[in-house]
Amino acid sequence: MDTTDRQLLDALRSNARATYAELARVVGLSAPAVHERVSKLESNGVITGYHAAVAPESLGYSMSALIGVNMSDNADVDAVASALASVVQVEDLWLVAGDESYIAKVRVADIGGLGVAMRAVNDVPGVRSTKTTVVIETKFEGRVQSADTTKAEDFERAD
């Protein structure tokens, strides 16, 4: 991956609906050359998809929480992850080092929905206990570092 590929990735992260002509102007190549590069980034698994960013509140999900999951000593890590994937309120799941084995991010409509989600997570075979932290306000989320390594190396705290 070269500098041009990284510029394309940054441009697509800013506007995934940009045309090849628009991207070409950003990186100084022809539209067909940009199309070829983007196709290569897709086929190599660098670009994994294009997604609509939907405000959860518009769907009625006004509450988020992080659920720390402690597993039983004999629990299978992958089996627990598969079971947690079937809990519809679980939006993200991370295997972590620390007090918990997993951290699950859930989105729900209200406190009653949070209770349903917590019970569903607790009912997963292999889960010994959970610890829930309610999100009061989301300042930002979904931020990915720049693909431009020169920007990443020069990174100072973003305010």
Protein backbone atom coordinates (compact mmCIF):
# COMPACT_ATOMS: atom_id res chain seq x y z
CA MET A 1 0.00 0.00 0.00
CA ASP A 2 1.48 3.29 -1.06
CA THR A 3 0.74 6.93 -0.27
CA THR A 4 -1.87 7.17 -3.02
CA ASP A 5 -3.77 4.18 -1.64
CA ARG A 6 -3.71 5.78 1.80
CA GLN A 7 -5.02 9.06 0.36
CA LEU A 8 -7.82 7.15 -1.36
CA LEU A 9 -8.74 5.43 1.90
CA ASP A 10 -8.87 8.75 3.75
CA ALA A 11 -11.00 10.28 0.99
CA LEU A 12 -13.40 7.32 1.01
CA ARG A 13 -13.67 7.44 4.80
CA SER A 14 -14.65 11.09 4.50
CA ASN A 15 -17.15 10.40 1.70
CA ALA A 16 -17.80 6.78 0.74
CA ARG A 17 -20.16 8.01 -1.99
CA ALA A 18 -17.45 9.96 -3.83
CA THR A 19 -17.26 9.20 -7.53
CA TYR A 20 -14.09 7.88 -9.11
CA ALA A 21 -13.74 11.26 -10.85
CA GLU A 22 -13.90 13.07 -7.50
CA LEU A 23 -11.39 10.67 -5.97
CA ALA A 24 -9.15 11.09 -9.02
CA ARG A 25 -9.00 14.85 -8.41
CA VAL A 26 -7.99 14.24 -4.79
CA VAL A 27 -5.10 11.91 -5.62
CA GLY A 28 -4.07 13.28 -9.02
CA LEU A 29 -4.82 10.17 -11.09
CA SER A 30 -7.32 9.31 -13.80
CA ALA A 31 -10.71 7.92 -12.84
CA PRO A 32 -9.91 4.50 -14.40
CA ALA A 33 -6.66 4.34 -12.39
CA VAL A 34 -8.57 5.16 -9.20
CA HIS A 35 -11.18 2.51 -10.04
CA GLU A 36 -8.40 -0.06 -10.44
CA ARG A 37 -6.79 0.90 -7.13
CA VAL A 38 -10.09 0.85 -5.23
CA SER A 39 -10.95 -2.55 -6.73
CA LYS A 40 -7.56 -3.86 -5.63
CA LEU A 41 -8.07 -2.50 -2.10
CA GLU A 42 -11.46 -4.26 -2.01
CA SER A 43 -10.14 -7.58 -3.33
CA ASN A 44 -7.23 -7.50 -0.86
CA GLY A 45 -9.64 -7.03 2.05
CA VAL A 46 -8.45 -3.53 2.95
CA ILE A 47 -11.85 -2.05 2.09
CA THR A 48 -14.37 -4.41 3.64
CA GLY A 49 -17.57 -2.61 2.70
CA TYR A 50 -19.49 0.62 2.42
CA HIS A 51 -22.04 1.42 5.09
CA ALA A 52 -24.77 3.92 5.83
CA ALA A 53 -24.13 5.63 9.15
CA VAL A 54 -27.51 5.58 10.89
CA ALA A 55 -28.26 7.58 14.03
CA PRO A 56 -29.34 4.94 16.59
CA GLU A 57 -31.74 7.44 18.17
CA SER A 58 -33.67 7.64 14.88
CA LEU A 59 -34.44 3.93 15.31
CA GLY A 60 -35.49 4.37 18.93
CA TYR A 61 -32.20 3.25 20.52
CA SER A 62 -31.46 6.13 22.87
CA MET A 63 -29.42 4.21 25.46
CA SER A 64 -26.01 2.56 25.19
CA ALA A 65 -24.15 0.49 27.74
CA LEU A 66 -20.96 -1.52 28.01
CA ILE A 67 -21.32 -4.94 29.58
CA GLY A 68 -18.17 -6.53 30.96
CA VAL A 69 -18.45 -10.32 30.73
CA ASN A 70 -16.63 -12.70 33.08
CA MET A 71 -16.56 -16.28 31.86
CA SER A 72 -16.65 -19.51 33.81
CA ASP A 73 -13.28 -21.22 34.17
CA ASN A 74 -14.18 -24.00 31.74
CA ALA A 75 -16.00 -21.79 29.21
CA ASP A 76 -14.99 -21.88 25.55
CA VAL A 77 -14.08 -18.35 24.43
CA ASP A 78 -15.33 -18.85 20.87
CA ALA A 79 -18.57 -20.52 21.95
CA VAL A 80 -19.35 -17.61 24.27
CA ALA A 81 -18.61 -15.14 21.46
CA SER A 82 -20.91 -17.04 19.09
CA ALA A 83 -23.68 -17.06 21.66
CA LEU A 84 -23.23 -13.34 22.39
CA ALA A 85 -23.48 -12.66 18.65
CA SER A 86 -27.04 -13.98 18.81
CA VAL A 87 -28.04 -11.41 21.45
CA VAL A 88 -29.68 -8.82 19.20
CA GLN A 89 -28.84 -5.86 21.43
CA VAL A 90 -25.08 -6.57 21.26
CA GLU A 91 -23.67 -4.22 18.66
CA ASP A 92 -19.94 -4.76 19.23
CA LEU A 93 -17.93 -7.36 21.12
CA TRP A 94 -14.28 -7.19 22.14
CA LEU A 95 -12.11 -9.92 23.68
CA VAL A 96 -10.06 -7.99 26.24
CA ALA A 97 -7.26 -8.34 28.76
CA GLY A 98 -8.15 -7.16 32.23
CA ASP A 99 -10.88 -7.87 34.75
CA GLU A 100 -13.35 -9.10 32.13
CA SER A 101 -13.02 -11.55 29.26
CA TYR A 102 -15.28 -9.62 26.90
CA ILE A 103 -16.74 -6.14 26.66
CA ALA A 104 -20.06 -5.98 24.81
CA LYS A 105 -21.56 -2.71 23.59
CA VAL A 106 -25.34 -2.79 23.62
CA ARG A 107 -27.91 -0.31 22.33
CA VAL A 108 -31.43 -0.30 23.68
CA ALA A 109 -34.49 1.95 23.79
CA ASP A 110 -34.65 2.44 27.55
CA ILE A 111 -33.81 1.03 30.97
CA GLY A 112 -36.29 -1.81 30.47
CA GLY A 113 -34.51 -2.76 27.25
CA LEU A 114 -31.21 -2.66 29.09
CA GLY A 115 -32.57 -5.12 31.63
CA VAL A 116 -33.61 -7.46 28.81
CA ALA A 117 -30.15 -7.20 27.24
CA MET A 118 -28.40 -7.80 30.56
CA ARG A 119 -30.49 -10.92 31.23
CA ALA A 120 -29.81 -12.21 27.71
CA VAL A 121 -26.05 -11.78 28.18
CA ASN A 122 -26.16 -13.38 31.64
CA ASP A 123 -28.09 -16.35 30.23
CA VAL A 124 -25.33 -17.22 27.74
CA PRO A 125 -23.74 -20.56 28.67
CA GLY A 126 -20.24 -19.95 30.00
CA VAL A 127 -20.97 -16.47 31.39
CA ARG A 128 -20.23 -16.39 35.12
CA SER A 129 -21.02 -12.72 35.81
CA THR A 130 -21.34 -9.32 34.20
CA LYS A 131 -20.71 -5.70 35.11
CA THR A 132 -22.68 -3.02 33.28
CA THR A 133 -21.66 0.58 32.69
CA VAL A 134 -24.30 2.92 31.28
CA VAL A 135 -23.17 5.51 28.73
CA ILE A 136 -24.34 8.98 29.77
CA GLU A 137 -23.25 10.79 26.60
CA THR A 138 -21.34 9.74 23.50
CA LYS A 139 -18.74 12.34 22.61
CA PHE A 140 -17.60 10.48 19.48
CA GLU A 141 -17.48 6.93 18.18
CA GLY A 142 -16.50 5.03 15.09
CA ARG A 143 -13.41 7.14 14.55
CA VAL A 144 -10.64 5.38 12.66
CA GLN A 145 -7.11 6.73 12.52
CA SER A 146 -5.94 8.25 9.29
CA ALA A 147 -4.60 5.81 6.72
CA ASP A 148 -1.88 8.37 6.01
CA THR A 149 0.99 7.18 8.21
CA THR A 150 2.64 10.59 8.16
CA LYS A 151 -0.48 12.00 9.82
CA ALA A 152 -0.55 9.13 12.32
CA GLU A 153 3.11 9.64 13.22
CA ASP A 154 2.56 13.36 13.70
CA PHE A 155 -0.60 12.77 15.71
CA GLU A 156 -1.12 14.93 18.70
CA ARG A 157 -4.25 14.74 20.74
CA ALA A 158 -7.31 15.70 18.68
CA ASP A 159 -9.46 18.22 20.52
